[in-house]
C-alpha atoms as a PDB file:
ATOM      1  CA  UNK A   1      13.075   9.895   0.714  1.00  0.00           C
ATOM      2  CA  UNK A   2      10.992  11.902  -1.664  1.00  0.00           C
ATOM      3  CA  UNK A   3       7.587  11.680  -0.872  1.00  0.00           C
ATOM      4  CA  UNK A   4       5.281   9.274  -3.493  1.00  0.00           C
ATOM      5  CA  UNK A   5       1.756  11.092  -4.986  1.00  0.00           C
ATOM      6  CA  UNK A   6      -1.473   9.552  -3.000  1.00  0.00           C
ATOM      7  CA  UNK A   7      -2.370   8.079  -6.278  1.00  0.00           C
ATOM      8  CA  UNK A   8       0.670   6.882  -7.232  1.00  0.00           C
ATOM      9  CA  UNK A   9       1.080   4.843  -3.429  1.00  0.00           C
ATOM     10  CA  UNK A  10      -2.188   3.744  -3.447  1.00  0.00           C
ATOM     11  CA  UNK A  11      -2.243   2.059  -7.251  1.00  0.00           C
ATOM     12  CA  UNK A  12       1.311   0.076  -5.492  1.00  0.00           C
ATOM     13  CA  UNK A  13      -1.100  -0.715  -2.443  1.00  0.00           C
ATOM     14  CA  UNK A  14      -3.240  -1.835  -4.431  1.00  0.00           C
ATOM     15  CA  UNK A  15      -1.293  -4.205  -6.970  1.00  0.00           C
ATOM     16  CA  UNK A  16       0.412  -5.370  -3.899  1.00  0.00           C
ATOM     17  CA  UNK A  17      -2.324  -6.671  -2.317  1.00  0.00           C
ATOM     18  CA  UNK A  18      -3.780  -7.781  -5.868  1.00  0.00           C
ATOM     19  CA  UNK A  19      -0.159  -9.681  -5.489  1.00  0.00           C
ATOM     20  CA  UNK A  20      -0.649 -11.546  -2.141  1.00  0.00           C
ATOM     21  CA  UNK A  21      -4.184 -12.499  -2.629  1.00  0.00           C
ATOM     22  CA  UNK A  22      -3.662 -14.362  -5.721  1.00  0.00           C
ATOM     23  CA  UNK A  23       0.111 -16.138  -4.720  1.00  0.00           C
ATOM     24  CA  UNK A  24      -2.187 -17.252  -1.328  1.00  0.00           C
ATOM     25  CA  UNK A  25      -5.301 -18.647  -3.485  1.00  0.00           C
ATOM     26  CA  UNK A  26      -3.241 -20.085  -6.232  1.00  0.00           C
ATOM     27  CA  UNK A  27       0.729 -20.062  -5.662  1.00  0.00           C
ATOM     28  CA  UNK A  28       2.542 -20.529  -8.932  1.00  0.00           C
ATOM     29  CA  UNK A  29       6.216 -18.825  -9.624  1.00  0.00           C
ATOM     30  CA  UNK A  30       4.084 -16.239 -11.954  1.00  0.00           C
ATOM     31  CA  UNK A  31       2.448 -15.784  -8.481  1.00  0.00           C
ATOM     32  CA  UNK A  32       5.977 -15.825  -7.011  1.00  0.00           C
ATOM     33  CA  UNK A  33       7.211 -13.351  -9.520  1.00  0.00           C
ATOM     34  CA  UNK A  34       4.095 -11.227  -9.063  1.00  0.00           C
ATOM     35  CA  UNK A  35       4.071 -10.879  -5.521  1.00  0.00           C
ATOM     36  CA  UNK A  36       8.476 -10.317  -5.381  1.00  0.00           C
ATOM     37  CA  UNK A  37       7.751  -7.633  -7.933  1.00  0.00           C
ATOM     38  CA  UNK A  38       5.190  -5.596  -5.949  1.00  0.00           C
ATOM     39  CA  UNK A  39       6.776  -5.586  -2.544  1.00  0.00           C
ATOM     40  CA  UNK A  40      10.147  -4.384  -3.859  1.00  0.00           C
ATOM     41  CA  UNK A  41       8.340  -1.629  -5.422  1.00  0.00           C
ATOM     42  CA  UNK A  42       6.288  -1.244  -2.228  1.00  0.00           C
ATOM     43  CA  UNK A  43       9.577  -0.836  -0.221  1.00  0.00           C
ATOM     44  CA  UNK A  44      11.590   1.431  -2.824  1.00  0.00           C
ATOM     45  CA  UNK A  45       8.161   3.836  -3.149  1.00  0.00           C
ATOM     46  CA  UNK A  46       8.127   4.395   0.786  1.00  0.00           C
ATOM     47  CA  UNK A  47      11.760   3.908   1.261  1.00  0.00           C
ATOM     48  CA  UNK A  48      11.486   0.754   3.519  1.00  0.00           C
ATOM     49  CA  UNK A  49      13.698  -2.519   3.949  1.00  0.00           C
ATOM     50  CA  UNK A  50      10.835  -5.149   4.363  1.00  0.00           C
ATOM     51  CA  UNK A  51       7.378  -5.401   3.753  1.00  0.00           C
ATOM     52  CA  UNK A  52       6.024  -5.092   7.162  1.00  0.00           C
ATOM     53  CA  UNK A  53       7.838  -1.865   7.656  1.00  0.00           C
ATOM     54  CA  UNK A  54       6.889  -0.453   3.910  1.00  0.00           C
ATOM     55  CA  UNK A  55       3.010  -1.368   4.796  1.00  0.00           C
ATOM     56  CA  UNK A  56       3.570   0.709   8.616  1.00  0.00           C
ATOM     57  CA  UNK A  57       5.080   3.899   5.935  1.00  0.00           C
ATOM     58  CA  UNK A  58       1.994   3.674   4.021  1.00  0.00           C
ATOM     59  CA  UNK A  59       0.002   4.179   6.355  1.00  0.00           C
ATOM     60  CA  UNK A  60       1.729   6.509   7.808  1.00  0.00           C
ATOM     61  CA  UNK A  61       1.500   8.232   4.731  1.00  0.00           C
ATOM     62  CA  UNK A  62      -2.081   8.271   4.222  1.00  0.00           C
ATOM     63  CA  UNK A  63      -2.808   9.445   7.668  1.00  0.00           C
ATOM     64  CA  UNK A  64      -0.369  12.055   6.948  1.00  0.00           C
ATOM     65  CA  UNK A  65      -2.126  12.733   3.036  1.00  0.00           C
ATOM     66  CA  UNK A  66      -5.868  12.836   4.984  1.00  0.00           C
ATOM     67  CA  UNK A  67      -4.677  15.122   7.384  1.00  0.00           C
ATOM     68  CA  UNK A  68      -2.806  17.808   4.980  1.00  0.00           C
ATOM     69  CA  UNK A  69      -6.813  17.540   2.918  1.00  0.00           C
ATOM     70  CA  UNK A  70      -8.358  18.775   6.428  1.00  0.00           C
ATOM     71  CA  UNK A  71     -10.859  16.365   5.861  1.00  0.00           C
ATOM     72  CA  UNK A  72     -11.891  13.277   8.071  1.00  0.00           C
ATOM     73  CA  UNK A  73     -10.658  10.014   7.885  1.00  0.00           C
ATOM     74  CA  UNK A  74     -12.707   6.982   6.982  1.00  0.00           C
ATOM     75  CA  UNK A  75     -12.287   5.493  10.770  1.00  0.00           C
ATOM     76  CA  UNK A  76     -14.216   8.793  11.371  1.00  0.00           C
ATOM     77  CA  UNK A  77     -17.065   8.824   9.004  1.00  0.00           C
ATOM     78  CA  UNK A  78     -20.479   7.328  10.238  1.00  0.00           C
ATOM     79  CA  UNK A  79     -22.678   5.470   7.461  1.00  0.00           C
ATOM     80  CA  UNK A  80     -26.347   6.663   6.871  1.00  0.00           C
ATOM     81  CA  UNK A  81     -28.376   4.181   7.681  1.00  0.00           C
END
């Protein structure tokens, strides 16, 4: 599998999330097509067969990107008060 660039993966995830929200709020034929298209793209970019698998794969890839940078993840950061 070709590993997607982090920027591209994040863009596809954002597109899927937006399509999911729009379809959940006001489902139409257009929102359904947008959701199907973004889900397909997410599956292709992650090499998964289902959206659930694609989301798990995307999470794993994002963890790898964070580890490769040597930085701390968002879960480990503390917010300044």
